Amino acid sequence: MDHDVLVAGETLIDFLSDRAGSLEDVASFERRPGGAPANVAVALAKLEHTPLFWTRVGDDAFGRYLEGVLDERGLPDRFLERDPDAKTSLAFVTHDETGDREFTFYRGGTADTRLEPGRIDEETLAALEWVHAGGVTLASGSSRRATLDLLERAAAADCTVSFDPNARPELWPDAATVERVCRDALAHVDVCKATAAELEGLGFDGATPLEIGRETLAAGPHTVFVTRGSEGAVAVADERAPWTDAEAASSPMTAETDADAVDVVDTTGAGDAFVAGAITSLREGRSLEESLSRASAVAALATTEPGAMSALPDRDAVRAFRRDR
């Protein structure tokens, strides 16, 4: 099978709390596969756009478990690295009564911080149409250089580059470093997906999510999706975006959608499902408005079971959900 999408970043273990409450109060957890880029890659495969996936896990029981999960989900192992000298990252995920979650990471010097620049060769990049990465691998280690190197070379190779800052402040030395490094990444990015709070943390201001999205365009991306959880999502794109029309030449094109009504069980991975829905829709030539609506539906369905990958929908499920809503 030929693959024209590459996803890069961490694969880790999510330990999900068995009930609502803080980490201090919860006693039992369930092991689940996770990591935002891993969730995106698996979601893309479910939507019949199976990508290449560049990741690194430890040569330990958790790493072998994750390798098996990725294989079961149909992802090729061409760029799956096993680190003999580092452990696999762990994250403990707690949630409140609404399903909103909080992460506590154990990630110091772990395998996914040790990606090295240049692993994705020029021949591979030349065959790709789309490259996606997240912000966690920018936080520390050689993975910061590796991720920035990949984004820069992918842009130079004329790939469409997407990026989710996926801000986790506890993984970074300070807020100034988050802003500086993520803005360096945005200079090479075409499509950005983030929450309004994440973009504000990167120094973008605005009275509304749309205004914040418009300001973000000046940093590099031609398209910005701003997700708002239970309040839906907005999108903005300027004249550089291939999915805009002539009207965007004078002002950015915008779209907005309400959140889909579902019985939310766990929001872990909802943003990653949104990313996959947006990538597949835009690659299939759908409009900005249609892509926003479809991405929101994929995200909503992903919240209906515990764990980031458990409820990721396939194309038929998304089609049926959108038809019946």
Protein backbone atom coordinates (compact mmCIF):
# COMPACT_ATOMS: atom_id res chain seq x y z
CA MET A 1 0.00 0.00 0.00
CA ASP A 2 1.24 3.49 -0.85
CA HIS A 3 1.00 6.01 1.99
CA ASP A 4 0.88 9.75 1.34
CA VAL A 5 0.31 10.92 4.92
CA LEU A 6 2.88 10.82 7.74
CA VAL A 7 2.07 11.37 11.41
CA ALA A 8 4.94 11.92 13.85
CA GLY A 9 5.11 11.95 17.63
CA GLU A 10 4.61 10.12 20.89
CA THR A 11 2.95 6.83 21.66
CA LEU A 12 2.42 6.23 25.35
CA ILE A 13 0.34 4.49 27.97
CA ASP A 14 -2.72 6.26 29.36
CA PHE A 15 -3.77 5.02 32.78
CA LEU A 16 -7.44 6.02 32.99
CA SER A 17 -9.07 6.53 36.37
CA ASP A 18 -12.05 4.28 37.04
CA ARG A 19 -14.16 7.11 38.47
CA ALA A 20 -14.33 10.88 38.58
CA GLY A 21 -11.97 12.58 40.97
CA SER A 22 -8.44 13.91 41.44
CA LEU A 23 -5.26 11.87 41.25
CA GLU A 24 -4.99 12.05 45.02
CA ASP A 25 -8.42 10.46 45.46
CA VAL A 26 -8.59 7.81 42.73
CA ALA A 27 -7.18 4.38 43.56
CA SER A 28 -7.74 2.31 40.41
CA PHE A 29 -6.71 2.88 36.80
CA GLU A 30 -7.07 1.00 33.52
CA ARG A 31 -4.25 0.75 30.97
CA ARG A 32 -5.06 2.15 27.51
CA PRO A 33 -2.92 3.09 24.48
CA GLY A 34 -2.49 6.80 23.95
CA GLY A 35 -0.40 9.72 22.77
CA ALA A 36 -1.99 12.41 20.62
CA PRO A 37 -0.16 11.57 17.35
CA ALA A 38 -0.83 7.86 17.89
CA ASN A 39 -4.51 8.65 18.32
CA VAL A 40 -4.48 10.71 15.12
CA ALA A 41 -2.74 7.94 13.19
CA VAL A 42 -5.20 5.28 14.36
CA ALA A 43 -8.16 7.57 13.66
CA LEU A 44 -6.88 8.19 10.13
CA ALA A 45 -6.63 4.44 9.59
CA LYS A 46 -10.22 4.00 10.79
CA LEU A 47 -11.28 6.64 8.27
CA GLU A 48 -9.47 4.75 5.48
CA HIS A 49 -6.50 7.11 5.18
CA THR A 50 -3.87 4.87 6.80
CA PRO A 51 -0.71 6.92 7.38
CA LEU A 52 2.92 6.20 8.01
CA PHE A 53 3.64 6.76 11.69
CA TRP A 54 7.00 7.84 13.10
CA THR A 55 7.19 7.12 16.82
CA ARG A 56 9.53 5.67 19.45
CA VAL A 57 8.71 3.41 22.38
CA GLY A 58 10.85 1.75 25.01
CA ASP A 59 12.11 -1.81 24.80
CA ASP A 60 9.86 -2.78 27.70
CA ALA A 61 6.51 -4.44 28.32
CA PHE A 62 4.58 -1.22 27.72
CA GLY A 63 6.41 -0.59 24.46
CA ARG A 64 5.74 -4.10 23.20
CA TYR A 65 2.08 -3.72 24.13
CA LEU A 66 1.87 -0.48 22.15
CA GLU A 67 3.63 -2.04 19.17
CA GLY A 68 0.95 -4.74 19.18
CA VAL A 69 -1.85 -2.18 19.37
CA LEU A 70 -0.50 -0.18 16.44
CA ASP A 71 -0.12 -3.36 14.40
CA GLU A 72 -3.69 -4.44 15.22
CA ARG A 73 -4.95 -1.03 14.09
CA GLY A 74 -3.28 -1.49 10.72
CA LEU A 75 -0.43 0.99 11.01
CA PRO A 76 2.81 0.12 9.18
CA ASP A 77 5.90 -0.32 11.35
CA ARG A 78 8.39 1.23 8.92
CA PHE A 79 9.11 4.19 11.24
CA LEU A 80 8.28 2.56 14.57
CA GLU A 81 11.44 2.68 16.68
CA ARG A 82 12.23 0.63 19.79
CA ASP A 83 14.67 2.31 22.21
CA PRO A 84 16.84 -0.16 24.17
CA ASP A 85 17.97 2.50 26.63
CA ALA A 86 14.77 4.31 27.59
CA LYS A 87 11.36 3.51 29.03
CA THR A 88 7.96 4.11 27.46
CA SER A 89 6.14 7.26 28.58
CA LEU A 90 3.19 6.99 30.98
CA ALA A 91 0.29 9.37 31.61
CA PHE A 92 -2.28 9.15 34.39
CA VAL A 93 -5.62 10.56 33.24
CA THR A 94 -8.25 11.69 35.72
CA HIS A 95 -11.60 13.26 34.88
CA ASP A 96 -14.44 15.20 36.43
CA GLU A 97 -18.17 14.44 36.29
CA THR A 98 -18.49 15.94 32.80
CA GLY A 99 -15.70 13.81 31.31
CA ASP A 100 -13.15 16.64 31.08
CA ARG A 101 -9.73 15.27 31.95
CA GLU A 102 -6.42 16.15 33.53
CA PHE A 103 -3.06 14.54 32.69
CA THR A 104 -0.10 13.71 34.91
CA PHE A 105 2.94 12.60 32.88
CA TYR A 106 5.91 10.37 33.68
CA ARG A 107 8.10 11.28 30.73
CA GLY A 108 11.59 12.31 31.87
CA GLY A 109 14.09 10.98 29.33
CA THR A 110 11.64 8.42 27.96
CA ALA A 111 11.79 6.95 24.47
CA ASP A 112 9.57 9.48 22.72
CA THR A 113 11.83 12.33 23.87
CA ARG A 114 14.70 10.71 21.93
CA LEU A 115 13.60 10.97 18.30
CA GLU A 116 16.51 12.08 16.12
CA PRO A 117 16.53 14.57 13.22
CA GLY A 118 16.79 13.15 9.72
CA ARG A 119 15.01 9.85 10.37
CA ILE A 120 12.46 10.59 7.64
CA ASP A 121 14.50 10.58 4.44
CA GLU A 122 14.05 12.90 1.48
CA GLU A 123 12.69 10.14 -0.76
CA THR A 124 9.90 9.46 1.73
CA LEU A 125 9.07 13.14 2.06
CA ALA A 126 8.91 13.53 -1.71
CA ALA A 127 6.22 10.84 -1.86
CA LEU A 128 4.07 12.42 0.87
CA GLU A 129 1.22 14.87 0.49
CA TRP A 130 0.55 15.59 4.17
CA VAL A 131 2.63 15.60 7.37
CA HIS A 132 1.16 16.03 10.86
CA ALA A 133 2.91 16.52 14.20
CA GLY A 134 1.98 17.56 17.73
CA GLY A 135 3.54 19.75 20.37
CA VAL A 136 4.45 17.20 23.03
CA THR A 137 7.61 16.08 21.22
CA LEU A 138 8.66 19.74 21.05
CA ALA A 139 8.79 19.95 24.83
CA SER A 140 12.18 18.36 25.51
CA GLY A 141 15.07 16.18 24.37
CA SER A 142 16.31 15.55 20.85
CA SER A 143 12.68 15.13 19.81
CA ARG A 144 12.33 18.92 19.77
CA ARG A 145 15.01 19.21 17.10
CA ALA A 146 13.66 16.17 15.27
CA THR A 147 10.11 17.55 15.12
CA LEU A 148 11.16 21.02 13.99
CA ASP A 149 13.47 19.46 11.39
CA LEU A 150 10.65 17.31 10.05
CA LEU A 151 8.21 20.22 9.81
CA GLU A 152 10.75 22.43 8.05
CA ARG A 153 11.75 19.75 5.52
CA ALA A 154 8.14 18.70 4.93
CA ALA A 155 7.21 22.29 4.10
CA ALA A 156 10.21 22.56 1.78
CA ALA A 157 9.06 19.34 0.08
CA ASP A 158 5.69 21.00 -0.60
CA CYS A 159 3.75 18.74 1.78
CA THR A 160 0.72 20.17 3.51
CA VAL A 161 1.85 20.43 7.13
CA SER A 162 -0.56 20.33 10.07
CA PHE A 163 0.17 20.89 13.73
CA ASP A 164 -1.59 20.61 17.08
CA PRO A 165 0.30 22.36 19.91
CA ASN A 166 -1.44 20.07 22.43
CA ALA A 167 -0.21 22.28 25.25
CA ARG A 168 0.85 20.39 28.37
CA PRO A 169 2.57 23.09 30.50
CA GLU A 170 3.96 20.55 32.99
CA LEU A 171 6.18 19.10 30.24
CA TRP A 172 7.87 22.42 29.48
CA PRO A 173 10.49 24.40 31.43
CA ASP A 174 8.44 27.62 31.26
CA ALA A 175 5.70 29.41 29.31
CA ALA A 176 8.16 31.52 27.34
CA THR A 177 9.78 28.38 25.90
CA VAL A 178 6.39 26.96 24.90
CA GLU A 179 5.57 30.16 23.00
CA ARG A 180 8.95 30.46 21.32
CA VAL A 181 9.24 26.85 20.17
CA CYS A 182 5.62 26.47 19.04
CA ARG A 183 5.85 29.70 17.08
CA ASP A 184 8.99 28.34 15.43
CA ALA A 185 6.93 25.31 14.44
CA LEU A 186 4.02 27.42 13.17
CA ALA A 187 6.32 29.14 10.68
CA HIS A 188 6.35 25.85 8.70
CA VAL A 189 2.67 24.94 9.23
CA ASP A 190 -0.28 25.16 6.83
CA VAL A 191 -3.08 23.89 9.07
CA CYS A 192 -3.22 24.42 12.84
CA LYS A 193 -5.73 22.92 15.24
CA ALA A 194 -5.82 24.22 18.81
CA THR A 195 -8.05 25.45 21.58
CA ALA A 196 -8.45 29.18 22.15
CA ALA A 197 -6.59 28.83 25.47
CA GLU A 198 -3.66 27.12 23.75
CA LEU A 199 -3.41 29.87 21.15
CA GLU A 200 -3.65 32.57 23.82
CA GLY A 201 -0.79 30.81 25.59
CA LEU A 202 1.24 31.24 22.40
CA GLY A 203 0.61 34.97 22.43
CA PHE A 204 -2.36 35.26 20.07
CA ASP A 205 -5.11 37.61 21.24
CA GLY A 206 -8.73 38.16 20.37
CA ALA A 207 -12.14 38.70 21.93
CA THR A 208 -13.55 35.56 20.29
CA PRO A 209 -12.14 32.24 19.06
CA LEU A 210 -12.53 33.45 15.47
CA GLU A 211 -10.50 36.57 16.19
CA ILE A 212 -7.79 34.49 17.85
CA GLY A 213 -7.78 32.19 14.81
CA ARG A 214 -7.43 35.15 12.45
CA GLU A 215 -4.45 36.47 14.38
CA THR A 216 -2.80 33.04 14.26
CA LEU A 217 -2.84 33.15 10.45
CA ALA A 218 -0.12 35.81 10.55
CA ALA A 219 2.28 33.36 12.25
CA GLY A 220 2.34 30.99 9.28
CA PRO A 221 -0.74 28.76 8.89
CA HIS A 222 -3.26 29.49 6.16
CA THR A 223 -5.97 27.53 8.02
CA VAL A 224 -6.74 27.44 11.74
CA PHE A 225 -9.31 25.27 13.52
CA VAL A 226 -10.18 26.44 17.03
CA THR A 227 -11.99 23.81 19.08
CA ARG A 228 -14.27 24.82 21.96
CA GLY A 229 -15.26 21.54 23.58
CA SER A 230 -18.98 21.44 24.33
CA GLU A 231 -19.43 24.76 22.53
CA GLY A 232 -18.35 23.44 19.14
CA ALA A 233 -15.56 24.73 16.91
CA VAL A 234 -14.67 27.46 14.45
CA ALA A 235 -12.36 27.61 11.44
CA VAL A 236 -10.67 30.41 9.54
CA ALA A 237 -8.65 30.27 6.31
CA ASP A 238 -7.03 32.92 4.14
CA GLU A 239 -6.40 33.17 0.40
CA ARG A 240 -3.39 30.80 0.55
CA ALA A 241 -5.61 27.84 1.46
CA PRO A 242 -6.61 25.63 -1.49
CA TRP A 243 -10.10 25.14 -0.01
CA THR A 244 -11.01 28.84 -0.01
CA ASP A 245 -12.68 30.74 -2.84
CA ALA A 246 -12.16 34.13 -4.41
CA GLU A 247 -13.95 35.86 -1.52
CA ALA A 248 -11.03 35.01 0.76
CA ALA A 249 -8.74 37.29 -1.24
CA SER A 250 -10.08 40.31 0.66
CA SER A 251 -10.86 38.72 4.04
CA PRO A 252 -10.38 35.29 5.60
CA MET A 253 -13.09 32.69 5.09
CA THR A 254 -14.71 31.52 8.31
CA ALA A 255 -16.93 28.65 9.43
CA GLU A 256 -18.55 27.72 12.72
CA THR A 257 -20.34 24.66 14.09
CA ASP A 258 -22.05 23.72 17.33
CA ALA A 259 -20.99 20.63 19.23
CA ASP A 260 -22.86 17.44 18.37
CA ALA A 261 -25.11 16.04 21.10
CA VAL A 262 -23.77 12.73 22.44
CA ASP A 263 -23.58 11.02 25.82
CA VAL A 264 -20.02 11.95 26.77
CA VAL A 265 -18.09 9.26 28.64
CA ASP A 266 -14.48 10.40 28.19
CA THR A 267 -13.08 13.33 26.21
CA THR A 268 -9.56 11.87 26.01
CA GLY A 269 -8.55 11.89 22.36
CA ALA A 270 -11.48 13.96 21.11
CA GLY A 271 -9.16 16.64 19.76
CA ASP A 272 -7.07 14.01 18.01
CA ALA A 273 -10.19 12.54 16.40
CA PHE A 274 -11.06 16.07 15.26
CA VAL A 275 -7.64 16.40 13.63
CA ALA A 276 -8.10 13.13 11.75
CA GLY A 277 -11.56 14.16 10.60
CA ALA A 278 -10.24 17.49 9.35
CA ILE A 279 -7.27 15.95 7.52
CA THR A 280 -9.37 13.32 5.74
CA SER A 281 -12.05 15.83 4.77
CA LEU A 282 -9.65 18.44 3.43
CA ARG A 283 -7.68 15.80 1.53
CA GLU A 284 -10.90 14.59 -0.06
CA GLY A 285 -11.57 18.08 -1.41
CA ARG A 286 -14.36 19.07 0.97
CA SER A 287 -15.01 22.72 1.75
CA LEU A 288 -13.81 24.39 4.94
CA GLU A 289 -17.34 24.41 6.36
CA GLU A 290 -17.97 20.75 5.48
CA SER A 291 -14.58 19.72 6.86
CA LEU A 292 -15.27 21.52 10.14
CA SER A 293 -18.68 19.83 10.48
CA ARG A 294 -17.30 16.37 9.70
CA ALA A 295 -14.31 16.78 12.02
CA SER A 296 -16.67 17.78 14.83
CA ALA A 297 -18.77 14.66 14.24
CA VAL A 298 -15.69 12.41 14.39
CA ALA A 299 -14.64 14.10 17.65
CA ALA A 300 -18.09 13.72 19.19
CA LEU A 301 -18.25 10.01 18.44
CA ALA A 302 -14.79 9.53 19.97
CA THR A 303 -16.08 10.66 23.39
CA THR A 304 -18.70 7.92 23.77
CA GLU A 305 -16.41 5.25 25.31
CA PRO A 306 -13.48 5.36 27.75
CA GLY A 307 -10.01 5.77 26.24
CA ALA A 308 -8.64 7.74 23.34
CA MET A 309 -8.88 4.94 20.74
CA SER A 310 -11.87 2.88 21.93
CA ALA A 311 -14.64 4.80 20.18
CA LEU A 312 -12.82 6.12 17.12
CA PRO A 313 -15.41 5.84 14.34
CA ASP A 314 -15.08 4.48 10.84
CA ARG A 315 -16.46 6.20 7.76
CA ASP A 316 -19.81 4.39 7.93
CA ALA A 317 -20.34 5.40 11.55
CA VAL A 318 -19.56 9.04 10.78
CA ARG A 319 -21.89 8.99 7.79
CA ALA A 320 -24.73 7.46 9.79
CA PHE A 321 -24.23 9.85 12.71
CA ARG A 322 -24.30 12.92 10.51
CA ARG A 323 -27.35 11.65 8.65
CA ASP A 324 -29.32 11.05 11.84
CA ARG A 325 -28.33 14.07 13.90
